[in-house]
Amino acid sequence: NALYAEGRYAEAIAVYEGLAAEGYDGGHLRFNLGNAYFKTGDVGRAILNYERAGKWVPADPDVEANLGFARERSGAESCPMPAWAAFAFPFASRLSTWTLAVLSSVLLALLLLCLALRHVLVRPRRLLGWAAGLCLFLLGGTICSGVWRLVHEDLPEHAVVVAEGETPVRFEPASDGTTHFVARQGTRLRIAERRDGWARVSRCDGRRGWIAADTIETL
């Protein structure tokens, strides 16, 4: 952080990357690393690390603001959560998978405690019933939101285009293959397959193709 404050961004990047490689990872480190990359003009890796920070601290206003600014600078597409999914899984975009797992465990414990007390205590039985119902409702929301994150965020392999400019995504895994579309620096892609230095990817709108593996980095 001191190196960053002194404007020695390349040195700060080296230290941040070294810490991450040793396992001292987290949302704040990735956010700072993204800022350092942005200062050096490497917008692709800045977006990559803002995206990584978002996995640790979803809905963090600073991360979202810097990510949006970096995307605007590069022209990269964003992949917003569908409106129906945001309504059906309200915690998926606000809490990390780990936080949702812990919260679900706490709610389950509270639900079982309320049900047990309801059979022991007579007077607050109705209140305990309402409390158990609320715990059950919230538990359903956290579990469903956690499953959404697992299926759409954690289990699939995603990558960000770090190459400068526009990278061609081709119909076949060959350098002379016909270009299907281009992906701007910082574009997030979902990886379906890897083959001989190429990756078969899909974009937010569902368009698919092959991109050179050395132009992307995995989230």
Protein backbone atom coordinates (compact mmCIF):
# COMPACT_ATOMS: atom_id res chain seq x y z
CA ASN A 1 0.00 0.00 0.00
CA ALA A 2 2.90 2.34 0.73
CA LEU A 3 4.39 1.57 -2.70
CA TYR A 4 1.05 2.36 -4.31
CA ALA A 5 0.77 5.63 -2.38
CA GLU A 6 4.23 6.60 -3.63
CA GLY A 7 3.19 5.96 -7.23
CA ARG A 8 5.44 2.92 -7.58
CA TYR A 9 2.66 0.89 -9.14
CA ALA A 10 4.74 -1.83 -10.81
CA GLU A 11 6.46 -2.62 -7.51
CA ALA A 12 3.13 -2.62 -5.69
CA ILE A 13 1.75 -5.06 -8.29
CA ALA A 14 4.69 -7.40 -7.74
CA VAL A 15 4.12 -7.42 -3.97
CA TYR A 16 0.35 -7.86 -4.26
CA GLU A 17 0.75 -10.71 -6.76
CA GLY A 18 3.32 -12.34 -4.49
CA LEU A 19 0.98 -12.18 -1.53
CA ALA A 20 -1.86 -13.69 -3.56
CA ALA A 21 0.43 -16.48 -4.79
CA GLU A 22 1.31 -17.31 -1.17
CA GLY A 23 -2.36 -17.62 -0.28
CA TYR A 24 -2.94 -14.22 1.34
CA ASP A 25 -5.85 -13.51 -0.96
CA GLY A 26 -9.02 -11.52 -0.44
CA GLY A 27 -11.32 -8.84 -1.70
CA HIS A 28 -9.27 -5.89 -0.47
CA LEU A 29 -6.02 -7.23 -1.91
CA ARG A 30 -7.65 -7.83 -5.30
CA PHE A 31 -9.24 -4.39 -5.23
CA ASN A 32 -5.88 -2.74 -4.53
CA LEU A 33 -4.23 -4.87 -7.20
CA GLY A 34 -6.88 -3.81 -9.70
CA ASN A 35 -6.24 -0.18 -8.85
CA ALA A 36 -2.51 -0.63 -9.35
CA TYR A 37 -3.00 -2.29 -12.74
CA PHE A 38 -5.36 0.50 -13.77
CA LYS A 39 -2.75 3.10 -12.87
CA THR A 40 -0.25 1.36 -15.17
CA GLY A 41 -2.77 1.39 -18.03
CA ASP A 42 -3.39 -2.38 -17.96
CA VAL A 43 -7.18 -2.10 -17.97
CA GLY A 44 -7.71 -5.78 -18.76
CA ARG A 45 -5.93 -7.01 -15.64
CA ALA A 46 -7.54 -4.23 -13.63
CA ILE A 47 -10.97 -5.55 -14.60
CA LEU A 48 -9.79 -9.11 -13.94
CA ASN A 49 -8.87 -8.23 -10.37
CA TYR A 50 -11.99 -6.15 -9.78
CA GLU A 51 -13.98 -9.20 -10.88
CA ARG A 52 -11.96 -11.37 -8.50
CA ALA A 53 -12.55 -8.88 -5.70
CA GLY A 54 -16.28 -9.10 -6.42
CA LYS A 55 -16.22 -12.81 -5.64
CA TRP A 56 -15.01 -12.01 -2.13
CA VAL A 57 -17.06 -8.89 -1.49
CA PRO A 58 -20.14 -8.85 -3.76
CA ALA A 59 -21.98 -5.54 -4.09
CA ASP A 60 -19.09 -3.59 -2.58
CA PRO A 61 -19.71 -0.01 -3.82
CA ASP A 62 -16.02 0.79 -4.37
CA VAL A 63 -15.40 -2.38 -6.34
CA GLU A 64 -18.52 -1.87 -8.44
CA ALA A 65 -17.68 1.77 -9.12
CA ASN A 66 -14.10 1.06 -10.22
CA LEU A 67 -15.17 -1.96 -12.25
CA GLY A 68 -17.78 0.11 -14.06
CA PHE A 69 -15.27 2.89 -14.75
CA ALA A 70 -12.70 0.41 -16.08
CA ARG A 71 -15.28 -1.24 -18.33
CA GLU A 72 -16.29 2.16 -19.65
CA ARG A 73 -12.65 2.90 -20.42
CA SER A 74 -12.11 -0.35 -22.35
CA GLY A 75 -15.59 -0.68 -23.85
CA ALA A 76 -15.98 -4.17 -22.35
CA GLU A 77 -19.45 -5.62 -21.99
CA SER A 78 -20.98 -6.15 -18.58
CA CYS A 79 -22.95 -9.25 -17.62
CA PRO A 80 -25.70 -8.07 -15.30
CA MET A 81 -27.78 -10.59 -13.43
CA PRO A 82 -31.15 -11.08 -15.16
CA ALA A 83 -33.97 -9.14 -13.52
CA TRP A 84 -35.98 -12.28 -12.82
CA ALA A 85 -32.97 -13.93 -11.18
CA ALA A 86 -32.26 -10.85 -9.05
CA PHE A 87 -35.86 -11.06 -7.80
CA ALA A 88 -35.89 -14.84 -7.29
CA PHE A 89 -32.43 -15.03 -5.70
CA PRO A 90 -32.13 -11.72 -3.81
CA PHE A 91 -28.94 -12.56 -1.91
CA ALA A 92 -26.95 -13.99 -4.83
CA SER A 93 -25.54 -10.64 -5.94
CA ARG A 94 -25.07 -9.25 -2.44
CA LEU A 95 -23.33 -12.02 -0.49
CA SER A 96 -20.50 -14.40 -1.28
CA THR A 97 -21.10 -18.15 -1.48
CA TRP A 98 -19.17 -18.67 1.76
CA THR A 99 -21.24 -16.04 3.56
CA LEU A 100 -24.45 -17.60 2.26
CA ALA A 101 -23.33 -21.03 3.49
CA VAL A 102 -22.58 -19.70 6.99
CA LEU A 103 -25.82 -17.71 7.08
CA SER A 104 -27.81 -20.78 5.99
CA SER A 105 -26.23 -22.82 8.79
CA VAL A 106 -27.12 -20.16 11.37
CA LEU A 107 -30.71 -19.91 10.11
CA LEU A 108 -31.09 -23.68 10.18
CA ALA A 109 -29.87 -23.78 13.76
CA LEU A 110 -32.28 -20.99 14.74
CA LEU A 111 -35.15 -22.77 12.97
CA LEU A 112 -34.49 -26.01 14.87
CA LEU A 113 -34.15 -24.09 18.14
CA CYS A 114 -37.49 -22.31 17.61
CA LEU A 115 -39.22 -25.59 16.80
CA ALA A 116 -37.74 -27.29 19.86
CA LEU A 117 -38.71 -24.42 22.19
CA ARG A 118 -42.20 -24.37 20.70
CA HIS A 119 -42.75 -27.87 22.02
CA VAL A 120 -41.40 -27.01 25.47
CA LEU A 121 -42.72 -23.53 26.16
CA VAL A 122 -46.46 -22.88 26.12
CA ARG A 123 -46.95 -19.12 26.38
CA PRO A 124 -44.69 -17.87 23.53
CA ARG A 125 -45.69 -20.73 21.23
CA ARG A 126 -47.31 -18.48 18.64
CA LEU A 127 -44.34 -16.08 18.67
CA LEU A 128 -41.93 -18.99 18.26
CA GLY A 129 -44.05 -20.26 15.39
CA TRP A 130 -43.74 -16.91 13.61
CA ALA A 131 -40.00 -16.87 14.31
CA ALA A 132 -39.64 -20.38 12.89
CA GLY A 133 -41.58 -19.35 9.79
CA LEU A 134 -39.34 -16.33 9.27
CA CYS A 135 -36.22 -18.46 9.66
CA LEU A 136 -37.61 -20.95 7.15
CA PHE A 137 -38.39 -18.19 4.66
CA LEU A 138 -34.92 -16.65 4.95
CA LEU A 139 -33.30 -20.08 4.84
CA GLY A 140 -35.01 -20.80 1.54
CA GLY A 141 -33.72 -17.50 0.16
CA THR A 142 -30.12 -18.06 1.26
CA ILE A 143 -30.02 -21.66 0.02
CA CYS A 144 -31.52 -20.82 -3.37
CA SER A 145 -29.20 -17.81 -3.74
CA GLY A 146 -26.21 -19.96 -2.81
CA VAL A 147 -27.17 -22.59 -5.38
CA TRP A 148 -27.50 -19.87 -8.03
CA ARG A 149 -24.00 -18.61 -7.24
CA LEU A 150 -22.58 -22.12 -7.36
CA VAL A 151 -24.19 -22.92 -10.71
CA HIS A 152 -23.52 -19.59 -12.41
CA GLU A 153 -20.45 -18.16 -10.67
CA ASP A 154 -18.35 -20.70 -8.79
CA LEU A 155 -18.54 -23.99 -10.69
CA PRO A 156 -18.22 -22.74 -14.30
CA GLU A 157 -14.80 -21.52 -15.40
CA HIS A 158 -14.78 -17.84 -16.31
CA ALA A 159 -12.03 -15.71 -17.78
CA VAL A 160 -11.35 -12.09 -18.67
CA VAL A 161 -9.73 -10.88 -21.88
CA VAL A 162 -6.46 -9.22 -20.87
CA ALA A 163 -5.04 -8.61 -24.36
CA GLU A 164 -5.17 -5.00 -25.52
CA GLY A 165 -7.68 -3.83 -28.09
CA GLU A 166 -10.11 -6.26 -29.69
CA THR A 167 -9.37 -9.99 -29.70
CA PRO A 168 -10.96 -12.13 -32.41
CA VAL A 169 -13.14 -15.04 -31.35
CA ARG A 170 -13.16 -17.55 -34.19
CA PHE A 171 -15.43 -20.32 -35.46
CA GLU A 172 -12.62 -22.87 -35.07
CA PRO A 173 -9.46 -23.19 -32.93
CA ALA A 174 -7.04 -21.95 -35.59
CA SER A 175 -5.29 -18.63 -36.15
CA ASP A 176 -6.61 -18.51 -39.72
CA GLY A 177 -10.16 -19.39 -38.68
CA THR A 178 -13.00 -17.06 -39.59
CA THR A 179 -13.72 -14.42 -36.96
CA HIS A 180 -17.16 -14.87 -35.40
CA PHE A 181 -17.00 -11.77 -33.18
CA VAL A 182 -14.45 -9.72 -31.29
CA ALA A 183 -14.00 -9.40 -27.53
CA ARG A 184 -12.71 -6.14 -26.11
CA GLN A 185 -10.13 -5.98 -23.38
CA GLY A 186 -11.79 -6.71 -20.03
CA THR A 187 -14.67 -8.74 -21.48
CA ARG A 188 -15.81 -11.59 -19.26
CA LEU A 189 -16.22 -14.95 -20.97
CA ARG A 190 -17.34 -18.39 -19.87
CA ILE A 191 -14.98 -21.22 -20.78
CA ALA A 192 -16.48 -24.50 -21.98
CA GLU A 193 -13.40 -26.29 -23.32
CA ARG A 194 -9.64 -25.93 -23.80
CA ARG A 195 -7.69 -27.36 -26.70
CA ASP A 196 -4.10 -26.85 -27.95
CA GLY A 197 -3.69 -23.26 -26.80
CA TRP A 198 -7.29 -22.31 -27.52
CA ALA A 199 -10.40 -21.97 -25.38
CA ARG A 200 -14.00 -22.36 -26.48
CA VAL A 201 -15.86 -19.52 -24.83
CA SER A 202 -19.33 -18.01 -24.69
CA ARG A 203 -20.33 -14.39 -24.24
CA CYS A 204 -23.18 -13.00 -22.14
CA ASP A 205 -25.48 -12.97 -25.16
CA GLY A 206 -24.79 -16.66 -25.82
CA ARG A 207 -22.49 -16.24 -28.84
CA ARG A 208 -19.70 -18.82 -28.82
CA GLY A 209 -16.35 -19.31 -30.43
CA TRP A 210 -12.66 -20.05 -29.96
CA ILE A 211 -10.16 -17.57 -28.51
CA ALA A 212 -6.39 -17.85 -28.09
CA ALA A 213 -5.71 -18.98 -24.52
CA ASP A 214 -2.84 -16.53 -24.04
CA THR A 215 -5.20 -13.58 -24.46
CA ILE A 216 -7.32 -14.44 -21.40
CA GLU A 217 -6.79 -15.08 -17.71
CA THR A 218 -9.02 -17.24 -15.54
CA LEU A 219 -10.99 -15.60 -12.75
